[in-house]
Amino acid sequence: MPRVAARVNEGENSWLFTSHWGVDVAVSTATPLVSLIEEATGATDTVALLRLSKAGVEVIETVITTRSRTAGAPLSDLVLPSGTVIATVMRDGQPTAPEPDMRLRPGDEVLLVSHRATEQDVQSAFQ
């Protein structure tokens, strides 16, 4: 039996798409994107998340694992690629302000902003 799925741009409008209108299931447009992001970030420790072309920067995420050579290292000891800064360290689901004496732990997600660095540059610096 064929089913009809409606792609909903605004999630709060999904209630409009019902069987009354011939729709079997309403799917938020963001849902497939979230799955793709989770798949990409699960496959590698480092991933480019966002390019801000007007500002000329890229937001890159790297996840510290038990295998990462920077696990246990203070931020002050890191050698970052040129033109790169640490925006935040996500720890236990909470953003934390990067402080020089903060030590990276397995599970930390480091978000970096860079004018020049590539995913490979960040991977080399952290992993």
C-alpha atoms as a PDB file:
ATOM      1  CA  MET A   1       0.000   0.000   0.000  1.00  0.00           C
ATOM      2  CA  PRO A   2       1.542   3.365  -0.989  1.00  0.00           C
ATOM      3  CA  ARG A   3       2.115   5.849   1.797  1.00  0.00           C
ATOM      4  CA  VAL A   4       2.267   9.617   1.535  1.00  0.00           C
ATOM      5  CA  ALA A   5       4.968  11.495   3.430  1.00  0.00           C
ATOM      6  CA  ALA A   6       4.885  15.278   3.697  1.00  0.00           C
ATOM      7  CA  ARG A   7       8.093  17.250   4.098  1.00  0.00           C
ATOM      8  CA  VAL A   8       7.462  20.005   6.636  1.00  0.00           C
ATOM      9  CA  ASN A   9       9.756  23.039   6.603  1.00  0.00           C
ATOM     10  CA  GLU A  10       8.530  24.417   9.923  1.00  0.00           C
ATOM     11  CA  GLY A  11       8.280  21.648  12.529  1.00  0.00           C
ATOM     12  CA  GLU A  12       5.555  23.411  14.492  1.00  0.00           C
ATOM     13  CA  ASN A  13       3.298  23.114  11.426  1.00  0.00           C
ATOM     14  CA  SER A  14       3.423  19.311  11.283  1.00  0.00           C
ATOM     15  CA  TRP A  15       0.016  19.108  12.969  1.00  0.00           C
ATOM     16  CA  LEU A  16      -1.490  20.467   9.732  1.00  0.00           C
ATOM     17  CA  PHE A  17      -0.367  17.436   7.725  1.00  0.00           C
ATOM     18  CA  THR A  18      -2.819  14.681   8.684  1.00  0.00           C
ATOM     19  CA  SER A  19      -4.755  11.874   7.068  1.00  0.00           C
ATOM     20  CA  HIS A  20      -7.524  14.421   6.502  1.00  0.00           C
ATOM     21  CA  TRP A  21      -5.218  15.926   3.872  1.00  0.00           C
ATOM     22  CA  GLY A  22      -4.098  12.511   2.585  1.00  0.00           C
ATOM     23  CA  VAL A  23      -0.804  12.502   4.488  1.00  0.00           C
ATOM     24  CA  ASP A  24       0.310   9.395   6.373  1.00  0.00           C
ATOM     25  CA  VAL A  25       3.375  10.873   8.021  1.00  0.00           C
ATOM     26  CA  ALA A  26       4.836  14.379   8.353  1.00  0.00           C
ATOM     27  CA  VAL A  27       8.630  14.568   8.384  1.00  0.00           C
ATOM     28  CA  SER A  28      10.534  17.665   9.423  1.00  0.00           C
ATOM     29  CA  THR A  29      12.964  18.888   6.766  1.00  0.00           C
ATOM     30  CA  ALA A  30      15.693  19.014   9.434  1.00  0.00           C
ATOM     31  CA  THR A  31      15.350  15.332  10.387  1.00  0.00           C
ATOM     32  CA  PRO A  32      17.336  13.906   7.448  1.00  0.00           C
ATOM     33  CA  LEU A  33      20.001  16.595   7.921  1.00  0.00           C
ATOM     34  CA  VAL A  34      20.435  15.715  11.579  1.00  0.00           C
ATOM     35  CA  SER A  35      20.842  12.053  10.633  1.00  0.00           C
ATOM     36  CA  LEU A  36      23.471  12.935   8.028  1.00  0.00           C
ATOM     37  CA  ILE A  37      25.387  15.099  10.517  1.00  0.00           C
ATOM     38  CA  GLU A  38      25.274  12.369  13.167  1.00  0.00           C
ATOM     39  CA  GLU A  39      26.437   9.813  10.608  1.00  0.00           C
ATOM     40  CA  ALA A  40      29.304  12.030   9.449  1.00  0.00           C
ATOM     41  CA  THR A  41      30.463  12.891  12.953  1.00  0.00           C
ATOM     42  CA  GLY A  42      30.231   9.255  14.034  1.00  0.00           C
ATOM     43  CA  ALA A  43      32.445   8.124  11.171  1.00  0.00           C
ATOM     44  CA  THR A  44      35.344  10.430  11.982  1.00  0.00           C
ATOM     45  CA  ASP A  45      36.739  12.346  14.922  1.00  0.00           C
ATOM     46  CA  THR A  46      36.941  15.629  12.994  1.00  0.00           C
ATOM     47  CA  VAL A  47      34.337  17.217  10.729  1.00  0.00           C
ATOM     48  CA  ALA A  48      33.730  20.645   9.180  1.00  0.00           C
ATOM     49  CA  LEU A  49      30.320  21.735  10.413  1.00  0.00           C
ATOM     50  CA  LEU A  50      29.778  25.131   8.843  1.00  0.00           C
ATOM     51  CA  ARG A  51      31.349  27.547   6.387  1.00  0.00           C
ATOM     52  CA  LEU A  52      30.564  31.218   6.862  1.00  0.00           C
ATOM     53  CA  SER A  53      31.524  32.531   3.452  1.00  0.00           C
ATOM     54  CA  LYS A  54      30.801  36.185   4.235  1.00  0.00           C
ATOM     55  CA  ALA A  55      33.105  36.053   7.269  1.00  0.00           C
ATOM     56  CA  GLY A  56      35.543  33.748   5.488  1.00  0.00           C
ATOM     57  CA  VAL A  57      35.726  31.218   8.325  1.00  0.00           C
ATOM     58  CA  GLU A  58      34.861  27.601   8.904  1.00  0.00           C
ATOM     59  CA  VAL A  59      33.590  25.951  12.085  1.00  0.00           C
ATOM     60  CA  ILE A  60      35.263  22.592  12.646  1.00  0.00           C
ATOM     61  CA  GLU A  61      34.493  20.052  15.358  1.00  0.00           C
ATOM     62  CA  THR A  62      36.869  17.447  16.686  1.00  0.00           C
ATOM     63  CA  VAL A  63      36.045  14.880  19.346  1.00  0.00           C
ATOM     64  CA  ILE A  64      38.662  13.902  21.893  1.00  0.00           C
ATOM     65  CA  THR A  65      38.839  10.133  22.334  1.00  0.00           C
ATOM     66  CA  THR A  66      40.994   7.882  24.488  1.00  0.00           C
ATOM     67  CA  ARG A  67      43.197   7.507  21.380  1.00  0.00           C
ATOM     68  CA  SER A  68      43.659  11.280  20.913  1.00  0.00           C
ATOM     69  CA  ARG A  69      47.175  12.438  21.664  1.00  0.00           C
ATOM     70  CA  THR A  70      45.745  15.618  23.193  1.00  0.00           C
ATOM     71  CA  ALA A  71      43.635  13.753  25.804  1.00  0.00           C
ATOM     72  CA  GLY A  72      44.844  15.022  29.175  1.00  0.00           C
ATOM     73  CA  ALA A  73      46.738  17.955  27.665  1.00  0.00           C
ATOM     74  CA  PRO A  74      46.048  21.517  28.810  1.00  0.00           C
ATOM     75  CA  LEU A  75      44.810  23.882  26.096  1.00  0.00           C
ATOM     76  CA  SER A  76      47.900  26.049  26.607  1.00  0.00           C
ATOM     77  CA  ASP A  77      50.078  23.189  25.284  1.00  0.00           C
ATOM     78  CA  LEU A  78      48.173  22.799  22.011  1.00  0.00           C
ATOM     79  CA  VAL A  79      49.695  24.006  18.769  1.00  0.00           C
ATOM     80  CA  LEU A  80      46.745  25.145  16.689  1.00  0.00           C
ATOM     81  CA  PRO A  81      46.859  25.648  12.931  1.00  0.00           C
ATOM     82  CA  SER A  82      47.506  29.248  11.899  1.00  0.00           C
ATOM     83  CA  GLY A  83      44.397  31.453  11.979  1.00  0.00           C
ATOM     84  CA  THR A  84      42.517  29.047  14.268  1.00  0.00           C
ATOM     85  CA  VAL A  85      40.933  29.609  17.693  1.00  0.00           C
ATOM     86  CA  ILE A  86      38.995  27.351  20.040  1.00  0.00           C
ATOM     87  CA  ALA A  87      35.453  28.692  20.300  1.00  0.00           C
ATOM     88  CA  THR A  88      34.253  26.300  23.005  1.00  0.00           C
ATOM     89  CA  VAL A  89      34.771  22.897  24.518  1.00  0.00           C
ATOM     90  CA  MET A  90      31.548  20.927  24.863  1.00  0.00           C
ATOM     91  CA  ARG A  91      31.845  18.842  28.014  1.00  0.00           C
ATOM     92  CA  ASP A  92      28.997  16.680  29.269  1.00  0.00           C
ATOM     93  CA  GLY A  93      26.674  18.450  26.823  1.00  0.00           C
ATOM     94  CA  GLN A  94      27.543  21.912  28.136  1.00  0.00           C
ATOM     95  CA  PRO A  95      29.623  24.564  26.360  1.00  0.00           C
ATOM     96  CA  THR A  96      32.571  25.705  28.441  1.00  0.00           C
ATOM     97  CA  ALA A  97      34.782  28.703  27.896  1.00  0.00           C
ATOM     98  CA  PRO A  98      38.264  27.600  26.868  1.00  0.00           C
ATOM     99  CA  GLU A  99      40.809  28.452  29.567  1.00  0.00           C
ATOM    100  CA  PRO A 100      44.571  27.884  29.150  1.00  0.00           C
ATOM    101  CA  ASP A 101      44.733  25.463  32.107  1.00  0.00           C
ATOM    102  CA  MET A 102      41.702  23.401  30.976  1.00  0.00           C
ATOM    103  CA  ARG A 103      42.715  19.802  30.253  1.00  0.00           C
ATOM    104  CA  LEU A 104      41.003  17.972  27.424  1.00  0.00           C
ATOM    105  CA  ARG A 105      39.190  14.756  28.344  1.00  0.00           C
ATOM    106  CA  PRO A 106      37.930  11.873  26.248  1.00  0.00           C
ATOM    107  CA  GLY A 107      34.382  12.770  25.202  1.00  0.00           C
ATOM    108  CA  ASP A 108      35.092  16.497  24.910  1.00  0.00           C
ATOM    109  CA  GLU A 109      33.934  18.079  21.650  1.00  0.00           C
ATOM    110  CA  VAL A 110      36.159  20.970  20.612  1.00  0.00           C
ATOM    111  CA  LEU A 111      34.652  23.579  18.285  1.00  0.00           C
ATOM    112  CA  LEU A 112      37.193  25.636  16.396  1.00  0.00           C
ATOM    113  CA  VAL A 113      36.846  28.638  14.111  1.00  0.00           C
ATOM    114  CA  SER A 114      39.447  29.074  11.417  1.00  0.00           C
ATOM    115  CA  HIS A 115      40.273  31.217   8.413  1.00  0.00           C
ATOM    116  CA  ARG A 116      42.688  28.720   6.903  1.00  0.00           C
ATOM    117  CA  ALA A 117      42.706  25.329   8.615  1.00  0.00           C
ATOM    118  CA  THR A 118      41.168  22.274   6.987  1.00  0.00           C
ATOM    119  CA  GLU A 119      39.660  19.248   8.681  1.00  0.00           C
ATOM    120  CA  GLN A 120      42.956  17.463   8.091  1.00  0.00           C
ATOM    121  CA  ASP A 121      44.919  20.267   9.790  1.00  0.00           C
ATOM    122  CA  VAL A 122      42.687  20.065  12.871  1.00  0.00           C
ATOM    123  CA  GLN A 123      42.802  16.264  12.814  1.00  0.00           C
ATOM    124  CA  SER A 124      46.608  16.415  12.803  1.00  0.00           C
ATOM    125  CA  ALA A 125      46.691  18.920  15.673  1.00  0.00           C
ATOM    126  CA  PHE A 126      44.344  16.990  17.986  1.00  0.00           C
ATOM    127  CA  GLN A 127      44.292  13.328  17.044  1.00  0.00           C
END
